[in-house]
C-alpha atoms as a PDB file:
ATOM      1  CA  MET A   1     -21.581  43.524 -30.849  1.00  0.00           C
ATOM      2  CA  ARG A   2     -20.787  40.936 -33.499  1.00  0.00           C
ATOM      3  CA  TYR A   3     -17.454  42.668 -34.125  1.00  0.00           C
ATOM      4  CA  THR A   4     -16.401  42.847 -30.459  1.00  0.00           C
ATOM      5  CA  PRO A   5     -13.604  40.229 -30.959  1.00  0.00           C
ATOM      6  CA  HIS A   6     -11.990  42.604 -33.449  1.00  0.00           C
ATOM      7  CA  GLU A   7     -10.627  44.566 -30.484  1.00  0.00           C
ATOM      8  CA  GLU A   8      -7.919  41.886 -30.164  1.00  0.00           C
ATOM      9  CA  LEU A   9      -6.431  43.165 -33.425  1.00  0.00           C
ATOM     10  CA  ILE A  10      -7.306  46.834 -32.975  1.00  0.00           C
ATOM     11  CA  ALA A  11      -5.723  47.282 -29.537  1.00  0.00           C
ATOM     12  CA  PRO A  12      -2.085  46.940 -30.725  1.00  0.00           C
ATOM     13  CA  ALA A  13      -2.825  49.549 -33.435  1.00  0.00           C
ATOM     14  CA  ARG A  14      -4.263  52.246 -31.144  1.00  0.00           C
ATOM     15  CA  PRO A  15      -0.959  53.786 -29.955  1.00  0.00           C
ATOM     16  CA  SER A  16       0.019  54.543 -33.579  1.00  0.00           C
ATOM     17  CA  ALA A  17      -3.363  55.159 -35.201  1.00  0.00           C
ATOM     18  CA  GLN A  18      -2.449  58.510 -36.740  1.00  0.00           C
ATOM     19  CA  PRO A  19      -3.210  58.599 -40.504  1.00  0.00           C
ATOM     20  CA  ALA A  20       0.264  60.031 -41.182  1.00  0.00           C
ATOM     21  CA  ARG A  21       1.857  56.956 -39.637  1.00  0.00           C
ATOM     22  CA  LEU A  22      -0.351  54.663 -41.684  1.00  0.00           C
ATOM     23  CA  LEU A  23       0.599  56.506 -44.876  1.00  0.00           C
ATOM     24  CA  ALA A  24       4.276  56.304 -43.939  1.00  0.00           C
ATOM     25  CA  GLY A  25       3.970  52.603 -43.172  1.00  0.00           C
ATOM     26  CA  VAL A  26       2.221  51.866 -46.462  1.00  0.00           C
ATOM     27  CA  LEU A  27       4.761  53.829 -48.494  1.00  0.00           C
ATOM     28  CA  LEU A  28       7.688  52.220 -46.673  1.00  0.00           C
ATOM     29  CA  THR A  29       6.217  48.759 -47.268  1.00  0.00           C
ATOM     30  CA  ILE A  30       5.798  49.467 -50.986  1.00  0.00           C
ATOM     31  CA  VAL A  31       9.319  50.880 -51.377  1.00  0.00           C
ATOM     32  CA  LEU A  32      10.954  48.030 -49.455  1.00  0.00           C
ATOM     33  CA  PHE A  33       8.970  45.440 -51.400  1.00  0.00           C
ATOM     34  CA  LEU A  34      10.015  46.969 -54.725  1.00  0.00           C
ATOM     35  CA  VAL A  35      13.664  47.086 -53.639  1.00  0.00           C
ATOM     36  CA  LEU A  36      13.591  43.493 -52.416  1.00  0.00           C
ATOM     37  CA  THR A  37      11.873  42.198 -55.562  1.00  0.00           C
ATOM     38  CA  SER A  38      14.335  44.080 -57.749  1.00  0.00           C
ATOM     39  CA  GLY A  39      17.209  42.507 -55.856  1.00  0.00           C
ATOM     40  CA  PHE A  40      15.604  39.076 -56.022  1.00  0.00           C
ATOM     41  CA  SER A  41      15.113  39.463 -59.776  1.00  0.00           C
ATOM     42  CA  ALA A  42      18.753  40.467 -60.254  1.00  0.00           C
ATOM     43  CA  ILE A  43      19.986  37.495 -58.221  1.00  0.00           C
ATOM     44  CA  LEU A  44      17.715  35.127 -60.159  1.00  0.00           C
ATOM     45  CA  GLN A  45      18.931  36.473 -63.493  1.00  0.00           C
ATOM     46  CA  SER A  46      22.542  36.006 -62.487  1.00  0.00           C
ATOM     47  CA  LEU A  47      21.876  32.436 -61.346  1.00  0.00           C
ATOM     48  CA  VAL A  48      20.041  31.224 -64.449  1.00  0.00           C
ATOM     49  CA  GLY A  49      21.909  33.283 -67.035  1.00  0.00           C
ATOM     50  CA  PRO A  50      20.611  35.772 -69.624  1.00  0.00           C
ATOM     51  CA  GLN A  51      19.375  33.211 -72.146  1.00  0.00           C
ATOM     52  CA  ALA A  52      17.434  31.151 -69.612  1.00  0.00           C
ATOM     53  CA  TRP A  53      16.012  34.346 -68.080  1.00  0.00           C
ATOM     54  CA  GLU A  54      14.829  35.548 -71.475  1.00  0.00           C
ATOM     55  CA  ALA A  55      13.091  32.217 -72.022  1.00  0.00           C
ATOM     56  CA  LEU A  56      11.564  32.289 -68.515  1.00  0.00           C
ATOM     57  CA  SER A  57      10.283  35.886 -68.597  1.00  0.00           C
ATOM     58  CA  PRO A  58       7.138  35.291 -70.716  1.00  0.00           C
ATOM     59  CA  ALA A  59       6.060  32.423 -68.453  1.00  0.00           C
ATOM     60  CA  LEU A  60       6.569  34.630 -65.392  1.00  0.00           C
ATOM     61  CA  GLN A  61       4.012  37.057 -66.787  1.00  0.00           C
ATOM     62  CA  THR A  62       1.317  34.416 -67.254  1.00  0.00           C
ATOM     63  CA  GLY A  63       2.318  31.647 -64.833  1.00  0.00           C
ATOM     64  CA  THR A  64       2.156  28.897 -67.451  1.00  0.00           C
ATOM     65  CA  THR A  65       4.977  26.727 -66.072  1.00  0.00           C
ATOM     66  CA  PRO A  66       5.416  25.230 -62.587  1.00  0.00           C
ATOM     67  CA  ILE A  67       8.625  27.176 -61.899  1.00  0.00           C
ATOM     68  CA  ALA A  68       7.037  30.454 -63.028  1.00  0.00           C
ATOM     69  CA  VAL A  69       4.070  29.959 -60.688  1.00  0.00           C
ATOM     70  CA  LEU A  70       6.326  29.097 -57.745  1.00  0.00           C
ATOM     71  CA  ILE A  71       8.501  32.167 -58.313  1.00  0.00           C
ATOM     72  CA  ASN A  72       5.433  34.416 -58.476  1.00  0.00           C
ATOM     73  CA  LEU A  73       4.067  32.970 -55.245  1.00  0.00           C
ATOM     74  CA  PHE A  74       7.273  32.877 -53.200  1.00  0.00           C
ATOM     75  CA  VAL A  75       7.979  36.527 -54.052  1.00  0.00           C
ATOM     76  CA  PHE A  76       5.209  37.344 -51.560  1.00  0.00           C
ATOM     77  CA  GLY A  77       7.597  36.265 -48.823  1.00  0.00           C
ATOM     78  CA  LEU A  78       9.426  39.521 -49.591  1.00  0.00           C
ATOM     79  CA  LEU A  79       6.185  41.416 -48.911  1.00  0.00           C
ATOM     80  CA  ILE A  80       6.073  39.841 -45.441  1.00  0.00           C
ATOM     81  CA  MET A  81       9.662  40.969 -44.826  1.00  0.00           C
ATOM     82  CA  ALA A  82       8.907  44.515 -46.028  1.00  0.00           C
ATOM     83  CA  LEU A  83       5.776  44.707 -43.903  1.00  0.00           C
ATOM     84  CA  ALA A  84       7.633  43.502 -40.809  1.00  0.00           C
ATOM     85  CA  VAL A  85      10.196  46.311 -41.165  1.00  0.00           C
ATOM     86  CA  ALA A  86       7.548  48.967 -41.884  1.00  0.00           C
ATOM     87  CA  LEU A  87       5.535  47.929 -38.831  1.00  0.00           C
ATOM     88  CA  ARG A  88       8.576  48.321 -36.591  1.00  0.00           C
ATOM     89  CA  VAL A  89       9.592  51.686 -38.026  1.00  0.00           C
ATOM     90  CA  ALA A  90       6.191  53.365 -38.428  1.00  0.00           C
ATOM     91  CA  HIS A  91       4.124  51.745 -35.672  1.00  0.00           C
ATOM     92  CA  LYS A  92       6.482  50.018 -33.221  1.00  0.00           C
ATOM     93  CA  ARG A  93       4.427  46.864 -33.838  1.00  0.00           C
ATOM     94  CA  THR A  94       5.405  43.277 -34.518  1.00  0.00           C
ATOM     95  CA  LEU A  95       4.206  41.114 -37.383  1.00  0.00           C
ATOM     96  CA  ALA A  96       2.642  38.743 -34.833  1.00  0.00           C
ATOM     97  CA  SER A  97       0.348  41.527 -33.613  1.00  0.00           C
ATOM     98  CA  LEU A  98      -1.434  41.406 -36.977  1.00  0.00           C
ATOM     99  CA  LEU A  99      -2.325  37.757 -36.495  1.00  0.00           C
ATOM    100  CA  GLY A 100      -3.965  37.803 -33.070  1.00  0.00           C
ATOM    101  CA  PRO A 101      -3.614  35.299 -30.208  1.00  0.00           C
ATOM    102  CA  LEU A 102      -1.753  32.248 -31.502  1.00  0.00           C
ATOM    103  CA  GLY A 103      -3.842  29.577 -29.748  1.00  0.00           C
ATOM    104  CA  PRO A 104      -7.259  30.763 -30.964  1.00  0.00           C
ATOM    105  CA  ALA A 105      -5.772  31.551 -34.384  1.00  0.00           C
ATOM    106  CA  THR A 106      -4.496  27.996 -34.791  1.00  0.00           C
ATOM    107  CA  ARG A 107      -7.844  26.475 -33.797  1.00  0.00           C
ATOM    108  CA  GLN A 108      -9.797  28.841 -36.041  1.00  0.00           C
ATOM    109  CA  PHE A 109      -7.574  28.166 -39.044  1.00  0.00           C
ATOM    110  CA  ARG A 110      -8.012  24.412 -38.611  1.00  0.00           C
ATOM    111  CA  ARG A 111     -11.787  24.612 -38.206  1.00  0.00           C
ATOM    112  CA  VAL A 112     -12.345  26.939 -41.147  1.00  0.00           C
ATOM    113  CA  ALA A 113      -9.928  25.074 -43.436  1.00  0.00           C
ATOM    114  CA  VAL A 114     -11.601  21.729 -42.702  1.00  0.00           C
ATOM    115  CA  ALA A 115     -15.067  23.211 -43.322  1.00  0.00           C
ATOM    116  CA  LEU A 116     -13.967  24.721 -46.634  1.00  0.00           C
ATOM    117  CA  ILE A 117     -12.289  21.517 -47.806  1.00  0.00           C
ATOM    118  CA  ILE A 118     -15.500  19.582 -47.095  1.00  0.00           C
ATOM    119  CA  LEU A 119     -17.483  22.213 -49.004  1.00  0.00           C
ATOM    120  CA  LEU A 120     -15.038  22.006 -51.922  1.00  0.00           C
ATOM    121  CA  LEU A 121     -15.340  18.211 -52.058  1.00  0.00           C
ATOM    122  CA  VAL A 122     -19.129  18.474 -52.124  1.00  0.00           C
ATOM    123  CA  ILE A 123     -19.005  21.005 -54.961  1.00  0.00           C
ATOM    124  CA  VAL A 124     -16.620  18.821 -56.981  1.00  0.00           C
ATOM    125  CA  PHE A 125     -19.290  16.130 -57.230  1.00  0.00           C
ATOM    126  CA  LEU A 126     -22.069  18.502 -58.313  1.00  0.00           C
ATOM    127  CA  PRO A 127     -23.031  18.226 -62.008  1.00  0.00           C
ATOM    128  CA  SER A 128     -21.772  20.952 -64.338  1.00  0.00           C
ATOM    129  CA  GLY A 129     -22.102  21.697 -68.032  1.00  0.00           C
ATOM    130  CA  ASN A 130     -19.467  20.380 -70.427  1.00  0.00           C
ATOM    131  CA  ALA A 131     -18.384  23.930 -71.277  1.00  0.00           C
ATOM    132  CA  LEU A 132     -17.366  24.561 -67.658  1.00  0.00           C
ATOM    133  CA  ARG A 133     -15.939  21.127 -66.885  1.00  0.00           C
ATOM    134  CA  PRO A 134     -12.137  21.166 -66.340  1.00  0.00           C
ATOM    135  CA  VAL A 135      -9.854  18.966 -68.415  1.00  0.00           C
ATOM    136  CA  PRO A 136      -6.490  17.356 -67.444  1.00  0.00           C
ATOM    137  CA  ASN A 137      -3.478  19.663 -67.493  1.00  0.00           C
ATOM    138  CA  MET A 138      -0.604  17.784 -65.792  1.00  0.00           C
ATOM    139  CA  SER A 139       0.235  14.168 -65.225  1.00  0.00           C
ATOM    140  CA  PHE A 140      -0.766  13.105 -61.720  1.00  0.00           C
ATOM    141  CA  ASP A 141       2.777  11.978 -60.849  1.00  0.00           C
ATOM    142  CA  LEU A 142       4.292  15.326 -61.826  1.00  0.00           C
ATOM    143  CA  TRP A 143       1.547  17.188 -59.970  1.00  0.00           C
ATOM    144  CA  LEU A 144       2.220  15.172 -56.806  1.00  0.00           C
ATOM    145  CA  LEU A 145       5.913  15.992 -57.103  1.00  0.00           C
ATOM    146  CA  PHE A 146       5.207  19.722 -57.077  1.00  0.00           C
ATOM    147  CA  LEU A 147       2.297  19.561 -54.605  1.00  0.00           C
ATOM    148  CA  PRO A 148       4.157  20.019 -51.262  1.00  0.00           C
ATOM    149  CA  VAL A 149       6.138  23.059 -52.410  1.00  0.00           C
ATOM    150  CA  GLY A 150       3.056  24.375 -54.223  1.00  0.00           C
ATOM    151  CA  VAL A 151       0.970  24.219 -51.041  1.00  0.00           C
ATOM    152  CA  LEU A 152       3.714  26.046 -49.136  1.00  0.00           C
ATOM    153  CA  ALA A 153       3.944  28.712 -51.852  1.00  0.00           C
ATOM    154  CA  VAL A 154       0.175  29.309 -51.878  1.00  0.00           C
ATOM    155  CA  LEU A 155       0.157  29.545 -48.086  1.00  0.00           C
ATOM    156  CA  MET A 156       2.935  32.150 -48.207  1.00  0.00           C
ATOM    157  CA  GLN A 157       1.156  34.214 -50.861  1.00  0.00           C
ATOM    158  CA  THR A 158      -2.222  34.198 -49.151  1.00  0.00           C
ATOM    159  CA  THR A 159      -0.752  34.861 -45.702  1.00  0.00           C
ATOM    160  CA  ALA A 160       1.199  37.836 -47.058  1.00  0.00           C
ATOM    161  CA  GLU A 161      -1.889  39.394 -48.625  1.00  0.00           C
ATOM    162  CA  GLU A 162      -3.992  38.853 -45.512  1.00  0.00           C
ATOM    163  CA  LEU A 163      -1.294  40.326 -43.272  1.00  0.00           C
ATOM    164  CA  ALA A 164      -1.163  43.413 -45.482  1.00  0.00           C
ATOM    165  CA  PHE A 165      -4.882  44.020 -46.077  1.00  0.00           C
ATOM    166  CA  ARG A 166      -6.936  42.441 -43.287  1.00  0.00           C
ATOM    167  CA  GLY A 167      -4.120  42.532 -40.740  1.00  0.00           C
ATOM    168  CA  TYR A 168      -2.307  45.828 -41.212  1.00  0.00           C
ATOM    169  CA  LEU A 169      -4.645  48.177 -43.098  1.00  0.00           C
ATOM    170  CA  GLN A 170      -7.849  46.993 -41.455  1.00  0.00           C
ATOM    171  CA  SER A 171      -6.554  47.140 -37.864  1.00  0.00           C
ATOM    172  CA  GLN A 172      -4.874  50.522 -38.274  1.00  0.00           C
ATOM    173  CA  LEU A 173      -7.956  52.071 -39.881  1.00  0.00           C
ATOM    174  CA  ALA A 174     -10.249  50.527 -37.251  1.00  0.00           C
ATOM    175  CA  ALA A 175      -8.075  52.040 -34.515  1.00  0.00           C
ATOM    176  CA  ARG A 176      -8.705  55.496 -36.006  1.00  0.00           C
ATOM    177  CA  PHE A 177     -12.225  55.213 -37.483  1.00  0.00           C
ATOM    178  CA  ASN A 178     -15.194  53.486 -35.845  1.00  0.00           C
ATOM    179  CA  HIS A 179     -17.384  52.783 -38.868  1.00  0.00           C
ATOM    180  CA  PRO A 180     -16.913  49.451 -40.705  1.00  0.00           C
ATOM    181  CA  VAL A 181     -17.564  51.186 -44.026  1.00  0.00           C
ATOM    182  CA  ILE A 182     -14.126  52.763 -43.624  1.00  0.00           C
ATOM    183  CA  TRP A 183     -12.024  50.030 -42.064  1.00  0.00           C
ATOM    184  CA  MET A 184     -13.634  47.258 -44.103  1.00  0.00           C
ATOM    185  CA  GLY A 185     -14.439  49.239 -47.245  1.00  0.00           C
ATOM    186  CA  LEU A 186     -11.146  51.016 -47.963  1.00  0.00           C
ATOM    187  CA  PRO A 187      -8.843  47.952 -47.754  1.00  0.00           C
ATOM    188  CA  SER A 188     -11.393  45.898 -49.714  1.00  0.00           C
ATOM    189  CA  ALA A 189     -11.601  48.529 -52.463  1.00  0.00           C
ATOM    190  CA  LEU A 190      -7.814  48.702 -52.687  1.00  0.00           C
ATOM    191  CA  PHE A 191      -7.557  44.906 -52.773  1.00  0.00           C
ATOM    192  CA  ALA A 192     -10.132  44.791 -55.563  1.00  0.00           C
ATOM    193  CA  LEU A 193      -8.441  47.492 -57.648  1.00  0.00           C
ATOM    194  CA  LEU A 194      -5.104  45.698 -57.443  1.00  0.00           C
ATOM    195  CA  HIS A 195      -6.793  42.934 -59.468  1.00  0.00           C
ATOM    196  CA  LEU A 196      -7.506  45.406 -62.285  1.00  0.00           C
ATOM    197  CA  ASP A 197      -5.551  43.880 -65.181  1.00  0.00           C
ATOM    198  CA  PRO A 198      -7.097  44.463 -68.626  1.00  0.00           C
ATOM    199  CA  SER A 199      -4.146  42.820 -70.395  1.00  0.00           C
ATOM    200  CA  ALA A 200      -4.872  39.503 -68.638  1.00  0.00           C
ATOM    201  CA  HIS A 201      -8.646  39.693 -68.226  1.00  0.00           C
ATOM    202  CA  GLY A 202      -9.731  41.645 -71.293  1.00  0.00           C
ATOM    203  CA  ASP A 203     -13.389  42.686 -71.270  1.00  0.00           C
ATOM    204  CA  ASN A 204     -13.917  40.661 -68.091  1.00  0.00           C
ATOM    205  CA  THR A 205     -11.629  42.863 -66.006  1.00  0.00           C
ATOM    206  CA  TRP A 206     -14.388  44.441 -63.935  1.00  0.00           C
ATOM    207  CA  LEU A 207     -15.948  41.057 -63.176  1.00  0.00           C
ATOM    208  CA  VAL A 208     -12.618  39.992 -61.657  1.00  0.00           C
ATOM    209  CA  VAL A 209     -12.439  43.259 -59.706  1.00  0.00           C
ATOM    210  CA  ILE A 210     -15.990  42.799 -58.384  1.00  0.00           C
ATOM    211  CA  TRP A 211     -15.255  39.231 -57.310  1.00  0.00           C
ATOM    212  CA  ALA A 212     -12.038  40.331 -55.575  1.00  0.00           C
ATOM    213  CA  GLY A 213     -13.953  43.075 -53.761  1.00  0.00           C
ATOM    214  CA  CYS A 214     -16.576  40.588 -52.558  1.00  0.00           C
ATOM    215  CA  PHE A 215     -13.847  38.234 -51.393  1.00  0.00           C
ATOM    216  CA  ALA A 216     -12.103  41.051 -49.511  1.00  0.00           C
ATOM    217  CA  LEU A 217     -15.332  41.998 -47.706  1.00  0.00           C
ATOM    218  CA  ALA A 218     -15.925  38.371 -46.718  1.00  0.00           C
ATOM    219  CA  ALA A 219     -12.364  38.076 -45.368  1.00  0.00           C
ATOM    220  CA  ALA A 220     -12.699  41.405 -43.530  1.00  0.00           C
ATOM    221  CA  ASP A 221     -15.943  40.285 -41.912  1.00  0.00           C
ATOM    222  CA  LEU A 222     -14.436  36.975 -40.765  1.00  0.00           C
ATOM    223  CA  THR A 223     -11.442  38.800 -39.301  1.00  0.00           C
ATOM    224  CA  ALA A 224     -13.607  41.200 -37.308  1.00  0.00           C
ATOM    225  CA  ARG A 225     -15.915  38.419 -36.079  1.00  0.00           C
ATOM    226  CA  SER A 226     -13.125  36.085 -34.976  1.00  0.00           C
ATOM    227  CA  GLY A 227     -10.519  38.438 -33.506  1.00  0.00           C
ATOM    228  CA  THR A 228      -7.699  36.741 -35.418  1.00  0.00           C
ATOM    229  CA  LEU A 229      -6.461  36.747 -38.990  1.00  0.00           C
ATOM    230  CA  ALA A 230      -6.641  32.940 -39.229  1.00  0.00           C
ATOM    231  CA  PRO A 231     -10.155  32.523 -40.746  1.00  0.00           C
ATOM    232  CA  ALA A 232      -9.358  35.022 -43.515  1.00  0.00           C
ATOM    233  CA  ILE A 233      -6.068  33.249 -44.233  1.00  0.00           C
ATOM    234  CA  ALA A 234      -7.883  29.898 -44.356  1.00  0.00           C
ATOM    235  CA  LEU A 235     -10.545  31.265 -46.730  1.00  0.00           C
ATOM    236  CA  HIS A 236      -7.894  32.785 -48.990  1.00  0.00           C
ATOM    237  CA  PHE A 237      -5.663  29.717 -48.799  1.00  0.00           C
ATOM    238  CA  ILE A 238      -8.322  27.155 -49.730  1.00  0.00           C
ATOM    239  CA  ASN A 239      -9.679  29.412 -52.486  1.00  0.00           C
ATOM    240  CA  ASN A 240      -6.251  29.903 -54.070  1.00  0.00           C
ATOM    241  CA  LEU A 241      -5.300  26.280 -53.507  1.00  0.00           C
ATOM    242  CA  ASN A 242      -8.284  25.325 -55.622  1.00  0.00           C
ATOM    243  CA  ALA A 243      -7.686  28.027 -58.244  1.00  0.00           C
ATOM    244  CA  ILE A 244      -3.924  27.465 -58.620  1.00  0.00           C
ATOM    245  CA  LEU A 245      -3.253  23.807 -57.799  1.00  0.00           C
ATOM    246  CA  ILE A 246      -6.532  22.050 -58.638  1.00  0.00           C
ATOM    247  CA  ALA A 247      -8.240  23.775 -61.586  1.00  0.00           C
ATOM    248  CA  ALA A 248      -7.139  27.049 -63.196  1.00  0.00           C
ATOM    249  CA  PRO A 249      -8.387  29.020 -66.214  1.00  0.00           C
ATOM    250  CA  LYS A 250      -6.513  27.985 -69.337  1.00  0.00           C
ATOM    251  CA  GLY A 251      -3.428  30.040 -70.133  1.00  0.00           C
ATOM    252  CA  TYR A 252      -3.239  32.035 -66.884  1.00  0.00           C
ATOM    253  CA  PHE A 253      -1.517  30.750 -63.741  1.00  0.00           C
ATOM    254  CA  ASP A 254      -2.186  27.178 -64.800  1.00  0.00           C
ATOM    255  CA  GLY A 255       1.410  25.956 -64.523  1.00  0.00           C
ATOM    256  CA  LEU A 256       0.772  23.981 -61.310  1.00  0.00           C
ATOM    257  CA  ALA A 257      -2.868  23.047 -61.897  1.00  0.00           C
ATOM    258  CA  LEU A 258      -3.875  19.429 -62.166  1.00  0.00           C
ATOM    259  CA  TYR A 259      -6.796  20.510 -64.376  1.00  0.00           C
ATOM    260  CA  VAL A 260      -7.611  23.562 -66.462  1.00  0.00           C
ATOM    261  CA  TYR A 261     -10.939  25.020 -67.454  1.00  0.00           C
ATOM    262  CA  PRO A 262     -11.393  24.943 -71.259  1.00  0.00           C
ATOM    263  CA  PHE A 263     -11.567  28.738 -71.470  1.00  0.00           C
ATOM    264  CA  SER A 264      -9.357  31.720 -70.680  1.00  0.00           C
ATOM    265  CA  LEU A 265     -10.078  34.725 -68.484  1.00  0.00           C
ATOM    266  CA  GLN A 266     -10.619  36.745 -71.659  1.00  0.00           C
ATOM    267  CA  ASP A 267     -13.443  34.485 -72.886  1.00  0.00           C
ATOM    268  CA  SER A 268     -16.458  36.684 -72.125  1.00  0.00           C
ATOM    269  CA  GLY A 269     -19.134  34.069 -72.764  1.00  0.00           C
ATOM    270  CA  ALA A 270     -17.590  31.456 -70.503  1.00  0.00           C
ATOM    271  CA  ILE A 271     -16.643  33.930 -67.754  1.00  0.00           C
ATOM    272  CA  TRP A 272     -20.161  35.389 -67.618  1.00  0.00           C
ATOM    273  CA  ALA A 273     -21.499  31.845 -67.231  1.00  0.00           C
ATOM    274  CA  TRP A 274     -18.856  30.956 -64.656  1.00  0.00           C
ATOM    275  CA  PHE A 275     -18.998  34.167 -62.604  1.00  0.00           C
ATOM    276  CA  PRO A 276     -22.348  33.601 -60.796  1.00  0.00           C
ATOM    277  CA  ALA A 277     -21.315  30.092 -59.748  1.00  0.00           C
ATOM    278  CA  ASP A 278     -17.933  31.323 -58.523  1.00  0.00           C
ATOM    279  CA  LEU A 279     -19.582  34.149 -56.580  1.00  0.00           C
ATOM    280  CA  LEU A 280     -22.058  31.686 -55.080  1.00  0.00           C
ATOM    281  CA  MET A 281     -19.190  29.416 -54.063  1.00  0.00           C
ATOM    282  CA  LEU A 282     -17.515  32.363 -52.328  1.00  0.00           C
ATOM    283  CA  GLY A 283     -20.716  33.078 -50.433  1.00  0.00           C
ATOM    284  CA  CYS A 284     -21.034  29.443 -49.396  1.00  0.00           C
ATOM    285  CA  GLY A 285     -17.412  29.459 -48.246  1.00  0.00           C
ATOM    286  CA  TRP A 286     -18.018  32.555 -46.122  1.00  0.00           C
ATOM    287  CA  LEU A 287     -21.099  30.956 -44.541  1.00  0.00           C
ATOM    288  CA  ALA A 288     -19.252  27.685 -43.931  1.00  0.00           C
ATOM    289  CA  ALA A 289     -16.461  29.604 -42.209  1.00  0.00           C
ATOM    290  CA  ARG A 290     -18.939  31.417 -39.973  1.00  0.00           C
ATOM    291  CA  VAL A 291     -20.587  28.126 -38.994  1.00  0.00           C
ATOM    292  CA  ALA A 292     -17.182  26.602 -38.243  1.00  0.00           C
ATOM    293  CA  LEU A 293     -16.252  29.541 -36.019  1.00  0.00           C
ATOM    294  CA  ARG A 294     -19.403  29.078 -33.931  1.00  0.00           C
ATOM    295  CA  ARG A 295     -18.521  25.532 -32.899  1.00  0.00           C
END
C-alpha cells in the first residue's frame, strides 16, 4: 500500500509496457545521445579552435576547471532531448508523463529540498576530524560569479538522470512487472554500474558503485511513495549541489567547488574513513525527505 501513489507514473507506461518497446526506447535514447554529444563536441571544437580544445580536453576528463564542469553538466540537456524523442517514437509518451502531476510535484520538490538544505546546514556545523575537513578551493567572489549558472547546470544534470532512471526505466518496468525487486532493482543496478570508473576511483571503485546503488534505491523508493519524480530530483539535486559546488574531492570535479576535501577519490585510507559518514548522510537525507513528504 505504501507504493500506491506510484500508479500516477505507471499508468502512462501501461499501453507500451512490452519489453521489446523498452529495449527499443533505451537503444534509441543511447544512439541519439551519442549523436547529439558528438555533434556538440564538433561544434565546440570549431568554436574554440584546435589549440584551445587540446588544452581544454584534459580538464574535461577530470572537471578541474569551472568551464569543464559546466560543459560536463550541461551535456545532460542532450540526454533530455534524446529521451524525449525516444519516448515519442517507442512509447507514444511525453517527457512530462515521467514527472507526474505538476502541482504535487512542485510542492514535493520544495518540501524535500528545504528539508535537505536544513539537514545539510546542521551537518556542516558538526565536528569532524582534520583529515576530513575541507579546505578553500576558490575565492568567494569568483564562486559567487559562477554560482547561478552552476546551480542551473546541476539541476539539469540531476533532472536528466532522474528522468532516465527513476522516470523512464522504473515506470516502464513497473508497468510490466509487479515486484519492486525488478522495477526498483534493475534501474538501480544499472545506475550503480554506470559509476564504475577504475581510472578515476582506483581501488575505491566498488565503494563508489555501492554508494551509487544505495542512492538509486533511495530515489526509487521516494518516487514510488510520492507518485512524482520531484522528491528524487530534489534528493539528487541537493546531494550533487553539495558535492560539486560546495565541497568536492580534490582533483575530481572540483572546478566549481568553494572547498575541496584534502584527499582524492583514489586515496583508500581517506575514502574508507569518509564512506560510512557519506552513507549515513544519504540515509538521513532519505529519512528527511520521507518526513517532509508526510507533512
